[in-house]
Every structure is written in C-alpha cells, then in structure tokens.
Amino acid sequence: ASAVATVGTYAVTATNPTPGGGTSAGATFTVTTPAPTIASFTPTSGPASTATVTTTVTVTGTYFTGATAVTLNGVAITASRW
C-alpha cells in the first residue's frame, strides 16, 4: 500500500519465473488526490460579519491536504489554518 501512497503515475508489470518466464509490458496506474470532504462545521449559524464582528467557523473533514480555497455561499473566506 505504501508504494501507491503518493500522488503520481506508476508503471505496473507482472513477472513470471524462469524457465519460460519474463516481465510483461508495463501498464500505467495513476494515484490521484481525492476531493476534500466536509464532515461537519461549527457553529452552524452566527451573526452577520461587520468590521468589528467576525465569526470563527471550524470545518472538519478529510482530504484537506493541499486545499487552496474555502468558500461560504460562493464567497472566498480567509482561512487561519489549513
């Protein structure tokens, strides 16, 4: 499993022992990063933001590694920690 734990393209071959064996032609196996999944966020509501009022929202889930943006109702928000 650790051989395919990193995103990338890998050659896959099959080998049979001699006599009469050999190695097959290679085929390609590509490991991709799954899309992020939101499991939950808190709080689920809060006051409207103003210059003096902000609400911290904690988002939990999986596959956030490498996430580049978070939006709320289509508006990009500033993340304090990924």
Protein backbone atom coordinates (compact mmCIF):
# COMPACT_ATOMS: atom_id res chain seq x y z
CA ALA A 1 0.00 0.00 0.00
CA SER A 2 2.81 2.44 0.74
CA ALA A 3 4.03 2.10 -2.86
CA VAL A 4 0.95 4.00 -4.03
CA ALA A 5 0.52 6.39 -1.10
CA THR A 6 1.96 9.30 -3.08
CA VAL A 7 0.14 11.05 -5.91
CA GLY A 8 1.75 10.20 -9.23
CA THR A 9 1.92 7.81 -12.16
CA TYR A 10 3.36 4.34 -11.67
CA ALA A 11 4.37 1.55 -14.04
CA VAL A 12 2.78 -1.82 -13.32
CA THR A 13 4.35 -5.06 -14.59
CA ALA A 14 3.93 -8.75 -13.92
CA THR A 15 6.86 -11.16 -13.76
CA ASN A 16 6.90 -14.96 -14.08
CA PRO A 17 9.94 -17.01 -13.04
CA THR A 18 12.21 -18.81 -15.47
CA PRO A 19 12.22 -21.04 -17.39
CA GLY A 20 9.91 -19.50 -19.93
CA GLY A 21 9.05 -16.53 -17.75
CA GLY A 22 9.79 -12.91 -18.15
CA THR A 23 8.36 -9.49 -17.44
CA SER A 24 5.23 -8.14 -19.09
CA ALA A 25 4.96 -4.87 -20.89
CA GLY A 26 4.21 -2.04 -18.49
CA ALA A 27 0.81 -0.55 -17.87
CA THR A 28 0.13 2.76 -16.13
CA PHE A 29 -1.54 3.19 -12.74
CA THR A 30 -2.30 6.75 -11.63
CA VAL A 31 -2.77 7.74 -7.98
CA THR A 32 -4.87 10.89 -7.56
CA THR A 33 -5.83 13.04 -4.61
CA PRO A 34 -9.47 12.58 -3.62
CA ALA A 35 -11.68 15.65 -3.43
CA PRO A 36 -11.98 17.17 0.05
CA THR A 37 -14.99 16.05 2.07
CA ILE A 38 -16.64 18.19 4.75
CA ALA A 39 -17.81 16.06 7.67
CA SER A 40 -19.04 18.92 9.83
CA PHE A 41 -18.63 22.57 10.69
CA THR A 42 -19.35 24.61 13.79
CA PRO A 43 -21.10 26.79 14.56
CA THR A 44 -23.92 26.19 12.11
CA SER A 45 -25.07 29.82 12.41
CA GLY A 46 -23.75 33.17 13.59
CA PRO A 47 -24.15 36.92 13.37
CA ALA A 48 -23.55 38.83 10.15
CA SER A 49 -19.93 39.88 9.88
CA THR A 50 -19.05 43.54 10.12
CA ALA A 51 -15.81 45.45 10.57
CA THR A 52 -15.93 44.64 14.29
CA VAL A 53 -17.83 41.34 14.35
CA THR A 54 -16.39 38.13 12.95
CA THR A 55 -17.36 34.52 13.43
CA THR A 56 -14.79 31.73 13.54
CA VAL A 57 -16.05 28.64 11.75
CA THR A 58 -14.29 25.31 12.25
CA VAL A 59 -14.54 22.90 9.31
CA THR A 60 -13.64 19.25 9.82
CA GLY A 61 -13.35 16.53 7.23
CA THR A 62 -10.95 14.54 5.13
CA TYR A 63 -8.52 15.14 2.28
CA PHE A 64 -7.89 18.81 3.15
CA THR A 65 -4.18 18.40 2.38
CA GLY A 66 -3.34 20.85 -0.37
CA ALA A 67 -6.72 22.61 -0.17
CA THR A 68 -6.37 26.02 -1.79
CA ALA A 69 -9.69 27.71 -1.08
CA VAL A 70 -12.69 27.72 1.17
CA THR A 71 -15.91 29.46 0.18
CA LEU A 72 -19.05 30.34 2.05
CA ASN A 73 -22.07 30.77 -0.22
CA GLY A 74 -19.69 31.21 -3.13
CA VAL A 75 -17.58 33.89 -1.41
CA ALA A 76 -13.92 33.15 -0.66
CA ILE A 77 -13.09 33.30 3.03
CA THR A 78 -9.77 33.69 4.75
CA ALA A 79 -8.50 30.56 6.42
CA SER A 80 -6.40 31.00 9.52
CA ARG A 81 -5.16 27.40 9.44
CA TRP A 82 -5.36 24.57 6.95
